[in-house]
Amino acid sequence: MAFSQWWSFTDALVAYDLNQAGVYEFGNSTNDVVYIGSTNDMKRRLKEHLGEGTTSCIKQNAKVYRIEYTPYYLTRERELVEEFIRVYGRLPRCNSVRP
């Protein structure tokens, strides 16, 4: 399954996400990717991000998100990060290490 459309990164929308494995991207107000992540429980992980402190990079920059459910989330995250680096020559703004 490919990424869905961008959704507003809010508690109300995250409540509809599934407790399944997958990858996700956060975008800023112009839909530029600022973070790529993966998890074995999408809803739980997104809620954790929503609860981050106000000084975190994600809290300051993530306005929208999109997800892709896949049991191969670790491999898919590496693919997405490597593709981002090929295109932009760096990690997304809020990623601090390569997966």
PDB file of N, CA and C in Angstrom:
ATOM      1  N   MET A   1       0.845  -1.189   0.000  1.00  0.00           N
ATOM      2  CA  MET A   1       0.000   0.000   0.000  1.00  0.00           C
ATOM      3  C   MET A   1       0.885   1.245   0.000  1.00  0.00           C
ATOM      4  N   ALA A   2       0.606   2.168  -0.849  1.00  0.00           N
ATOM      5  CA  ALA A   2       1.360   3.414  -0.916  1.00  0.00           C
ATOM      6  C   ALA A   2       0.789   4.421   0.077  1.00  0.00           C
ATOM      7  N   PHE A   3       1.532   5.507   0.243  1.00  0.00           N
ATOM      8  CA  PHE A   3       1.075   6.542   1.161  1.00  0.00           C
ATOM      9  C   PHE A   3      -0.284   7.075   0.759  1.00  0.00           C
ATOM     10  N   SER A   4      -1.061   7.375   1.767  1.00  0.00           N
ATOM     11  CA  SER A   4      -2.352   8.017   1.554  1.00  0.00           C
ATOM     12  C   SER A   4      -2.119   9.516   1.419  1.00  0.00           C
ATOM     13  N   GLN A   5      -3.188  10.238   1.326  1.00  0.00           N
ATOM     14  CA  GLN A   5      -3.095  11.697   1.258  1.00  0.00           C
ATOM     15  C   GLN A   5      -2.571  12.253   2.573  1.00  0.00           C
ATOM     16  N   TRP A   6      -2.212  13.526   2.573  1.00  0.00           N
ATOM     17  CA  TRP A   6      -1.815  14.192   3.812  1.00  0.00           C
ATOM     18  C   TRP A   6      -3.057  14.448   4.661  1.00  0.00           C
ATOM     19  N   TRP A   7      -2.915  14.275   5.979  1.00  0.00           N
ATOM     20  CA  TRP A   7      -3.977  14.548   6.936  1.00  0.00           C
ATOM     21  C   TRP A   7      -3.451  15.533   7.969  1.00  0.00           C
ATOM     22  N   SER A   8      -4.323  16.355   8.527  1.00  0.00           N
ATOM     23  CA  SER A   8      -3.917  17.260   9.605  1.00  0.00           C
ATOM     24  C   SER A   8      -3.469  16.425  10.800  1.00  0.00           C
ATOM     25  N   PHE A   9      -2.346  16.806  11.384  1.00  0.00           N
ATOM     26  CA  PHE A   9      -1.795  16.042  12.506  1.00  0.00           C
ATOM     27  C   PHE A   9      -2.449  16.492  13.801  1.00  0.00           C
ATOM     28  N   THR A  10      -3.610  15.889  14.076  1.00  0.00           N
ATOM     29  CA  THR A  10      -4.408  16.244  15.261  1.00  0.00           C
ATOM     30  C   THR A  10      -4.853  14.978  15.985  1.00  0.00           C
ATOM     31  N   ASP A  11      -5.157  15.127  17.263  1.00  0.00           N
ATOM     32  CA  ASP A  11      -5.683  14.010  18.061  1.00  0.00           C
ATOM     33  C   ASP A  11      -6.925  13.415  17.410  1.00  0.00           C
ATOM     34  N   ALA A  12      -7.801  14.270  16.915  1.00  0.00           N
ATOM     35  CA  ALA A  12      -9.067  13.801  16.345  1.00  0.00           C
ATOM     36  C   ALA A  12      -8.845  12.867  15.156  1.00  0.00           C
ATOM     37  N   LEU A  13      -7.876  13.166  14.298  1.00  0.00           N
ATOM     38  CA  LEU A  13      -7.635  12.311  13.135  1.00  0.00           C
ATOM     39  C   LEU A  13      -6.811  11.085  13.493  1.00  0.00           C
ATOM     40  N   VAL A  14      -5.843  11.230  14.367  1.00  0.00           N
ATOM     41  CA  VAL A  14      -5.032  10.078  14.785  1.00  0.00           C
ATOM     42  C   VAL A  14      -5.916   9.015  15.443  1.00  0.00           C
ATOM     43  N   ALA A  15      -6.992   9.434  16.066  1.00  0.00           N
ATOM     44  CA  ALA A  15      -7.910   8.489  16.712  1.00  0.00           C
ATOM     45  C   ALA A  15      -8.473   7.461  15.726  1.00  0.00           C
ATOM     46  N   TYR A  16      -8.502   7.789  14.444  1.00  0.00           N
ATOM     47  CA  TYR A  16      -9.029   6.874  13.422  1.00  0.00           C
ATOM     48  C   TYR A  16      -7.978   5.902  12.894  1.00  0.00           C
ATOM     49  N   ASP A  17      -6.704   6.118  13.218  1.00  0.00           N
ATOM     50  CA  ASP A  17      -5.658   5.244  12.703  1.00  0.00           C
ATOM     51  C   ASP A  17      -5.688   3.892  13.407  1.00  0.00           C
ATOM     52  N   LEU A  18      -5.064   2.913  12.783  1.00  0.00           N
ATOM     53  CA  LEU A  18      -5.084   1.546  13.285  1.00  0.00           C
ATOM     54  C   LEU A  18      -3.877   1.246  14.163  1.00  0.00           C
ATOM     55  N   ASN A  19      -4.033   0.246  15.026  1.00  0.00           N
ATOM     56  CA  ASN A  19      -2.921  -0.239  15.848  1.00  0.00           C
ATOM     57  C   ASN A  19      -2.177  -1.314  15.060  1.00  0.00           C
ATOM     58  N   GLN A  20      -1.617  -0.909  13.915  1.00  0.00           N
ATOM     59  CA  GLN A  20      -0.902  -1.828  13.038  1.00  0.00           C
ATOM     60  C   GLN A  20       0.470  -1.249  12.710  1.00  0.00           C
ATOM     61  N   ALA A  21       1.345  -2.116  12.228  1.00  0.00           N
ATOM     62  CA  ALA A  21       2.695  -1.712  11.849  1.00  0.00           C
ATOM     63  C   ALA A  21       2.662  -0.882  10.572  1.00  0.00           C
ATOM     64  N   GLY A  22       3.616   0.050  10.478  1.00  0.00           N
ATOM     65  CA  GLY A  22       3.700   0.841   9.268  1.00  0.00           C
ATOM     66  C   GLY A  22       4.757   1.928   9.349  1.00  0.00           C
ATOM     67  N   VAL A  23       4.800   2.733   8.298  1.00  0.00           N
ATOM     68  CA  VAL A  23       5.698   3.877   8.231  1.00  0.00           C
ATOM     69  C   VAL A  23       4.849   5.139   8.121  1.00  0.00           C
ATOM     70  N   TYR A  24       5.440   6.254   8.506  1.00  0.00           N
ATOM     71  CA  TYR A  24       4.712   7.511   8.447  1.00  0.00           C
ATOM     72  C   TYR A  24       5.676   8.642   8.133  1.00  0.00           C
ATOM     73  N   GLU A  25       5.132   9.681   7.559  1.00  0.00           N
ATOM     74  CA  GLU A  25       5.888  10.899   7.288  1.00  0.00           C
ATOM     75  C   GLU A  25       5.118  12.067   7.877  1.00  0.00           C
ATOM     76  N   PHE A  26       5.854  12.993   8.460  1.00  0.00           N
ATOM     77  CA  PHE A  26       5.275  14.256   8.896  1.00  0.00           C
ATOM     78  C   PHE A  26       5.694  15.317   7.896  1.00  0.00           C
ATOM     79  N   GLY A  27       4.770  16.222   7.613  1.00  0.00           N
ATOM     80  CA  GLY A  27       5.054  17.340   6.737  1.00  0.00           C
ATOM     81  C   GLY A  27       4.802  18.654   7.444  1.00  0.00           C
ATOM     82  N   ASN A  28       5.429  19.703   6.933  1.00  0.00           N
ATOM     83  CA  ASN A  28       5.208  21.035   7.502  1.00  0.00           C
ATOM     84  C   ASN A  28       3.998  21.676   6.834  1.00  0.00           C
ATOM     85  N   SER A  29       3.828  22.963   7.012  1.00  0.00           N
ATOM     86  CA  SER A  29       2.640  23.643   6.483  1.00  0.00           C
ATOM     87  C   SER A  29       2.597  23.688   4.953  1.00  0.00           C
ATOM     88  N   THR A  30       3.724  23.422   4.297  1.00  0.00           N
ATOM     89  CA  THR A  30       3.742  23.372   2.827  1.00  0.00           C
ATOM     90  C   THR A  30       3.912  21.937   2.314  1.00  0.00           C
ATOM     91  N   ASN A  31       3.659  20.955   3.197  1.00  0.00           N
ATOM     92  CA  ASN A  31       3.739  19.526   2.867  1.00  0.00           C
ATOM     93  C   ASN A  31       5.146  19.036   2.537  1.00  0.00           C
ATOM     94  N   ASP A  32       6.174  19.755   2.968  1.00  0.00           N
ATOM     95  CA  ASP A  32       7.546  19.267   2.822  1.00  0.00           C
ATOM     96  C   ASP A  32       7.796  18.271   3.948  1.00  0.00           C
ATOM     97  N   VAL A  33       8.364  17.118   3.626  1.00  0.00           N
ATOM     98  CA  VAL A  33       8.609  16.088   4.632  1.00  0.00           C
ATOM     99  C   VAL A  33       9.654  16.575   5.627  1.00  0.00           C
ATOM    100  N   VAL A  34       9.312  16.513   6.915  1.00  0.00           N
ATOM    101  CA  VAL A  34      10.242  16.919   7.978  1.00  0.00           C
ATOM    102  C   VAL A  34      10.659  15.737   8.846  1.00  0.00           C
ATOM    103  N   TYR A  35       9.976  14.597   8.728  1.00  0.00           N
ATOM    104  CA  TYR A  35      10.328  13.431   9.535  1.00  0.00           C
ATOM    105  C   TYR A  35       9.780  12.176   8.881  1.00  0.00           C
ATOM    106  N   ILE A  36      10.561  11.110   8.924  1.00  0.00           N
ATOM    107  CA  ILE A  36      10.134   9.791   8.460  1.00  0.00           C
ATOM    108  C   ILE A  36      10.338   8.826   9.617  1.00  0.00           C
ATOM    109  N   GLY A  37       9.307   8.060   9.953  1.00  0.00           N
ATOM    110  CA  GLY A  37       9.410   7.115  11.054  1.00  0.00           C
ATOM    111  C   GLY A  37       8.678   5.827  10.755  1.00  0.00           C
ATOM    112  N   SER A  38       8.859   4.862  11.652  1.00  0.00           N
ATOM    113  CA  SER A  38       8.160   3.581  11.522  1.00  0.00           C
ATOM    114  C   SER A  38       7.831   3.054  12.909  1.00  0.00           C
ATOM    115  N   THR A  39       6.886   2.144  12.957  1.00  0.00           N
ATOM    116  CA  THR A  39       6.428   1.621  14.239  1.00  0.00           C
ATOM    117  C   THR A  39       5.685   0.308  14.046  1.00  0.00           C
ATOM    118  N   ASN A  40       5.599  -0.466  15.120  1.00  0.00           N
ATOM    119  CA  ASN A  40       4.788  -1.677  15.070  1.00  0.00           C
ATOM    120  C   ASN A  40       3.360  -1.402  15.546  1.00  0.00           C
ATOM    121  N   ASP A  41       3.067  -0.150  15.947  1.00  0.00           N
ATOM    122  CA  ASP A  41       1.728   0.242  16.413  1.00  0.00           C
ATOM    123  C   ASP A  41       1.508   1.712  16.055  1.00  0.00           C
ATOM    124  N   MET A  42       0.924   1.946  14.909  1.00  0.00           N
ATOM    125  CA  MET A  42       0.797   3.296  14.358  1.00  0.00           C
ATOM    126  C   MET A  42       0.077   4.260  15.297  1.00  0.00           C
ATOM    127  N   LYS A  43      -1.094   3.890  15.759  1.00  0.00           N
ATOM    128  CA  LYS A  43      -1.871   4.817  16.586  1.00  0.00           C
ATOM    129  C   LYS A  43      -1.103   5.205  17.852  1.00  0.00           C
ATOM    130  N   ARG A  44      -0.517   4.227  18.523  1.00  0.00           N
ATOM    131  CA  ARG A  44       0.240   4.511  19.750  1.00  0.00           C
ATOM    132  C   ARG A  44       1.397   5.470  19.469  1.00  0.00           C
ATOM    133  N   ARG A  45       2.141   5.212  18.409  1.00  0.00           N
ATOM    134  CA  ARG A  45       3.322   6.041  18.119  1.00  0.00           C
ATOM    135  C   ARG A  45       2.928   7.466  17.743  1.00  0.00           C
ATOM    136  N   LEU A  46       1.896   7.620  16.954  1.00  0.00           N
ATOM    137  CA  LEU A  46       1.462   8.969  16.583  1.00  0.00           C
ATOM    138  C   LEU A  46       0.982   9.742  17.802  1.00  0.00           C
ATOM    139  N   LYS A  47       0.282   9.063  18.714  1.00  0.00           N
ATOM    140  CA  LYS A  47      -0.145   9.720  19.948  1.00  0.00           C
ATOM    141  C   LYS A  47       1.057  10.146  20.789  1.00  0.00           C
ATOM    142  N   GLU A  48       2.113   9.328  20.799  1.00  0.00           N
ATOM    143  CA  GLU A  48       3.338   9.708  21.511  1.00  0.00           C
ATOM    144  C   GLU A  48       3.919  10.994  20.924  1.00  0.00           C
ATOM    145  N   HIS A  49       3.952  11.076  19.603  1.00  0.00           N
ATOM    146  CA  HIS A  49       4.454  12.296  18.954  1.00  0.00           C
ATOM    147  C   HIS A  49       3.581  13.501  19.300  1.00  0.00           C
ATOM    148  N   LEU A  50       2.278  13.316  19.324  1.00  0.00           N
ATOM    149  CA  LEU A  50       1.382  14.422  19.674  1.00  0.00           C
ATOM    150  C   LEU A  50       1.657  14.934  21.081  1.00  0.00           C
ATOM    151  N   GLY A  51       2.114  14.042  21.961  1.00  0.00           N
ATOM    152  CA  GLY A  51       2.378  14.414  23.343  1.00  0.00           C
ATOM    153  C   GLY A  51       3.771  14.959  23.612  1.00  0.00           C
ATOM    154  N   GLU A  52       4.589  15.099  22.581  1.00  0.00           N
ATOM    155  CA  GLU A  52       5.945  15.613  22.777  1.00  0.00           C
ATOM    156  C   GLU A  52       5.920  17.052  23.287  1.00  0.00           C
ATOM    157  N   GLY A  53       7.009  17.438  23.913  1.00  0.00           N
ATOM    158  CA  GLY A  53       7.129  18.800  24.426  1.00  0.00           C
ATOM    159  C   GLY A  53       7.140  19.832  23.311  1.00  0.00           C
ATOM    160  N   THR A  54       6.787  21.045  23.651  1.00  0.00           N
ATOM    161  CA  THR A  54       6.652  22.114  22.660  1.00  0.00           C
ATOM    162  C   THR A  54       7.960  22.482  21.978  1.00  0.00           C
ATOM    163  N   THR A  55       9.091  22.105  22.554  1.00  0.00           N
ATOM    164  CA  THR A  55      10.371  22.447  21.931  1.00  0.00           C
ATOM    165  C   THR A  55      10.883  21.370  20.981  1.00  0.00           C
ATOM    166  N   SER A  56      10.188  20.236  20.885  1.00  0.00           N
ATOM    167  CA  SER A  56      10.653  19.172  19.990  1.00  0.00           C
ATOM    168  C   SER A  56      10.496  19.606  18.534  1.00  0.00           C
ATOM    169  N   CYS A  57      11.388  19.127  17.700  1.00  0.00           N
ATOM    170  CA  CYS A  57      11.354  19.460  16.273  1.00  0.00           C
ATOM    171  C   CYS A  57      10.025  19.053  15.644  1.00  0.00           C
ATOM    172  N   ILE A  58       9.547  17.871  15.993  1.00  0.00           N
ATOM    173  CA  ILE A  58       8.284  17.403  15.429  1.00  0.00           C
ATOM    174  C   ILE A  58       7.133  18.289  15.872  1.00  0.00           C
ATOM    175  N   LYS A  59       7.071  18.613  17.149  1.00  0.00           N
ATOM    176  CA  LYS A  59       5.977  19.452  17.653  1.00  0.00           C
ATOM    177  C   LYS A  59       5.982  20.823  16.973  1.00  0.00           C
ATOM    178  N   GLN A  60       7.152  21.356  16.709  1.00  0.00           N
ATOM    179  CA  GLN A  60       7.253  22.679  16.093  1.00  0.00           C
ATOM    180  C   GLN A  60       6.991  22.666  14.591  1.00  0.00           C
ATOM    181  N   ASN A  61       7.241  21.540  13.917  1.00  0.00           N
ATOM    182  CA  ASN A  61       7.185  21.519  12.452  1.00  0.00           C
ATOM    183  C   ASN A  61       6.103  20.649  11.829  1.00  0.00           C
ATOM    184  N   ALA A  62       5.679  19.592  12.502  1.00  0.00           N
ATOM    185  CA  ALA A  62       4.730  18.653  11.902  1.00  0.00           C
ATOM    186  C   ALA A  62       3.307  19.206  11.948  1.00  0.00           C
ATOM    187  N   LYS A  63       2.775  19.509  10.791  1.00  0.00           N
ATOM    188  CA  LYS A  63       1.398  20.010  10.674  1.00  0.00           C
ATOM    189  C   LYS A  63       0.484  18.979  10.024  1.00  0.00           C
ATOM    190  N   VAL A  64       1.055  18.110   9.193  1.00  0.00           N
ATOM    191  CA  VAL A  64       0.297  17.083   8.482  1.00  0.00           C
ATOM    192  C   VAL A  64       1.065  15.767   8.569  1.00  0.00           C
ATOM    193  N   TYR A  65       0.357  14.668   8.301  1.00  0.00           N
ATOM    194  CA  TYR A  65       1.018  13.367   8.275  1.00  0.00           C
ATOM    195  C   TYR A  65       0.342  12.464   7.256  1.00  0.00           C
ATOM    196  N   ARG A  66       1.071  11.432   6.864  1.00  0.00           N
ATOM    197  CA  ARG A  66       0.525  10.393   6.005  1.00  0.00           C
ATOM    198  C   ARG A  66       1.157   9.071   6.432  1.00  0.00           C
ATOM    199  N   ILE A  67       0.420   7.998   6.221  1.00  0.00           N
ATOM    200  CA  ILE A  67       0.869   6.700   6.701  1.00  0.00           C
ATOM    201  C   ILE A  67       0.751   5.638   5.618  1.00  0.00           C
ATOM    202  N   GLU A  68       1.526   4.592   5.816  1.00  0.00           N
ATOM    203  CA  GLU A  68       1.490   3.409   4.956  1.00  0.00           C
ATOM    204  C   GLU A  68       1.606   2.210   5.884  1.00  0.00           C
ATOM    205  N   TYR A  69       0.563   1.407   5.960  1.00  0.00           N
ATOM    206  CA  TYR A  69       0.605   0.219   6.800  1.00  0.00           C
ATOM    207  C   TYR A  69       1.365  -0.884   6.069  1.00  0.00           C
ATOM    208  N   THR A  70       2.334  -1.477   6.746  1.00  0.00           N
ATOM    209  CA  THR A  70       3.104  -2.578   6.171  1.00  0.00           C
ATOM    210  C   THR A  70       3.797  -3.361   7.278  1.00  0.00           C
ATOM    211  N   PRO A  71       3.786  -4.703   7.174  1.00  0.00           N
ATOM    212  CA  PRO A  71       4.525  -5.483   8.164  1.00  0.00           C
ATOM    213  C   PRO A  71       6.039  -5.334   7.993  1.00  0.00           C
ATOM    214  N   TYR A  72       6.467  -4.802   6.862  1.00  0.00           N
ATOM    215  CA  TYR A  72       7.893  -4.614   6.567  1.00  0.00           C
ATOM    216  C   TYR A  72       8.312  -3.177   6.854  1.00  0.00           C
ATOM    217  N   TYR A  73       7.828  -2.636   7.962  1.00  0.00           N
ATOM    218  CA  TYR A  73       7.994  -1.216   8.260  1.00  0.00           C
ATOM    219  C   TYR A  73       9.439  -0.785   8.418  1.00  0.00           C
ATOM    220  N   LEU A  74      10.311  -1.627   8.978  1.00  0.00           N
ATOM    221  CA  LEU A  74      11.713  -1.221   9.152  1.00  0.00           C
ATOM    222  C   LEU A  74      12.424  -1.099   7.807  1.00  0.00           C
ATOM    223  N   THR A  75      12.191  -2.064   6.934  1.00  0.00           N
ATOM    224  CA  THR A  75      12.777  -2.018   5.592  1.00  0.00           C
ATOM    225  C   THR A  75      12.220  -0.832   4.814  1.00  0.00           C
ATOM    226  N   ARG A  76      10.928  -0.612   4.907  1.00  0.00           N
ATOM    227  CA  ARG A  76      10.286   0.487   4.172  1.00  0.00           C
ATOM    228  C   ARG A  76      10.773   1.842   4.674  1.00  0.00           C
ATOM    229  N   GLU A  77      10.971   1.980   5.989  1.00  0.00           N
ATOM    230  CA  GLU A  77      11.494   3.233   6.522  1.00  0.00           C
ATOM    231  C   GLU A  77      12.886   3.515   5.955  1.00  0.00           C
ATOM    232  N   ARG A  78      13.745   2.499   5.920  1.00  0.00           N
ATOM    233  CA  ARG A  78      15.090   2.682   5.351  1.00  0.00           C
ATOM    234  C   ARG A  78      15.014   3.122   3.893  1.00  0.00           C
ATOM    235  N   GLU A  79      14.120   2.493   3.130  1.00  0.00           N
ATOM    236  CA  GLU A  79      13.942   2.869   1.724  1.00  0.00           C
ATOM    237  C   GLU A  79      13.537   4.335   1.592  1.00  0.00           C
ATOM    238  N   LEU A  80      12.575   4.755   2.394  1.00  0.00           N
ATOM    239  CA  LEU A  80      12.087   6.138   2.309  1.00  0.00           C
ATOM    240  C   LEU A  80      13.166   7.143   2.703  1.00  0.00           C
ATOM    241  N   VAL A  81      13.909   6.833   3.758  1.00  0.00           N
ATOM    242  CA  VAL A  81      14.975   7.741   4.196  1.00  0.00           C
ATOM    243  C   VAL A  81      16.072   7.805   3.141  1.00  0.00           C
ATOM    244  N   GLU A  82      16.475   6.663   2.597  1.00  0.00           N
ATOM    245  CA  GLU A  82      17.521   6.657   1.569  1.00  0.00           C
ATOM    246  C   GLU A  82      17.077   7.435   0.327  1.00  0.00           C
ATOM    247  N   GLU A  83      15.828   7.303  -0.045  1.00  0.00           N
ATOM    248  CA  GLU A  83      15.306   8.062  -1.197  1.00  0.00           C
ATOM    249  C   GLU A  83      15.326   9.558  -0.896  1.00  0.00           C
ATOM    250  N   PHE A  84      14.941   9.940   0.309  1.00  0.00           N
ATOM    251  CA  PHE A  84      14.966  11.356   0.695  1.00  0.00           C
ATOM    252  C   PHE A  84      16.395  11.893   0.596  1.00  0.00           C
ATOM    253  N   ILE A  85      17.349  11.125   1.100  1.00  0.00           N
ATOM    254  CA  ILE A  85      18.756  11.550   1.052  1.00  0.00           C
ATOM    255  C   ILE A  85      19.238  11.661  -0.388  1.00  0.00           C
ATOM    256  N   ARG A  86      18.842  10.719  -1.247  1.00  0.00           N
ATOM    257  CA  ARG A  86      19.232  10.801  -2.672  1.00  0.00           C
ATOM    258  C   ARG A  86      18.721  12.092  -3.307  1.00  0.00           C
ATOM    259  N   VAL A  87      17.513  12.470  -2.965  1.00  0.00           N
ATOM    260  CA  VAL A  87      16.897  13.658  -3.567  1.00  0.00           C
ATOM    261  C   VAL A  87      17.433  14.955  -2.951  1.00  0.00           C
ATOM    262  N   TYR A  88      17.553  15.005  -1.619  1.00  0.00           N
ATOM    263  CA  TYR A  88      17.870  16.260  -0.932  1.00  0.00           C
ATOM    264  C   TYR A  88      19.288  16.332  -0.366  1.00  0.00           C
ATOM    265  N   GLY A  89      19.998  15.206  -0.358  1.00  0.00           N
ATOM    266  CA  GLY A  89      21.367  15.208   0.129  1.00  0.00           C
ATOM    267  C   GLY A  89      21.509  15.292   1.641  1.00  0.00           C
ATOM    268  N   ARG A  90      20.436  15.022   2.356  1.00  0.00           N
ATOM    269  CA  ARG A  90      20.451  15.109   3.823  1.00  0.00           C
ATOM    270  C   ARG A  90      19.258  14.348   4.374  1.00  0.00           C
ATOM    271  N   LEU A  91      19.269  14.150   5.696  1.00  0.00           N
ATOM    272  CA  LEU A  91      18.108  13.574   6.377  1.00  0.00           C
ATOM    273  C   LEU A  91      16.982  14.605   6.451  1.00  0.00           C
ATOM    274  N   PRO A  92      15.737  14.151   6.627  1.00  0.00           N
ATOM    275  CA  PRO A  92      14.665  15.115   6.895  1.00  0.00           C
ATOM    276  C   PRO A  92      14.997  15.935   8.140  1.00  0.00           C
ATOM    277  N   ARG A  93      14.498  17.131   8.187  1.00  0.00           N
ATOM    278  CA  ARG A  93      14.825  18.106   9.236  1.00  0.00           C
ATOM    279  C   ARG A  93      14.771  17.553  10.665  1.00  0.00           C
ATOM    280  N   CYS A  94      13.765  16.764  10.982  1.00  0.00           N
ATOM    281  CA  CYS A  94      13.586  16.286  12.354  1.00  0.00           C
ATOM    282  C   CYS A  94      14.146  14.877  12.603  1.00  0.00           C
ATOM    283  N   ASN A  95      14.698  14.232  11.598  1.00  0.00           N
ATOM    284  CA  ASN A  95      15.371  12.950  11.811  1.00  0.00           C
ATOM    285  C   ASN A  95      16.810  13.239  12.213  1.00  0.00           C
ATOM    286  N   SER A  96      17.277  12.589  13.260  1.00  0.00           N
ATOM    287  CA  SER A  96      18.657  12.840  13.709  1.00  0.00           C
ATOM    288  C   SER A  96      19.621  11.737  13.310  1.00  0.00           C
ATOM    289  N   VAL A  97      19.112  10.539  13.013  1.00  0.00           N
ATOM    290  CA  VAL A  97      19.961   9.429  12.603  1.00  0.00           C
ATOM    291  C   VAL A  97      19.291   8.631  11.489  1.00  0.00           C
ATOM    292  N   ARG A  98      20.100   7.932  10.710  1.00  0.00           N
ATOM    293  CA  ARG A  98      19.562   7.041   9.690  1.00  0.00           C
ATOM    294  C   ARG A  98      19.034   5.793  10.371  1.00  0.00           C
ATOM    295  N   PRO A  99      17.944   5.241   9.861  1.00  0.00           N
ATOM    296  CA  PRO A  99      17.415   3.997  10.445  1.00  0.00           C
ATOM    297  C   PRO A  99      18.319   2.812  10.108  1.00  0.00           C
TER     298      PRO A  99
END
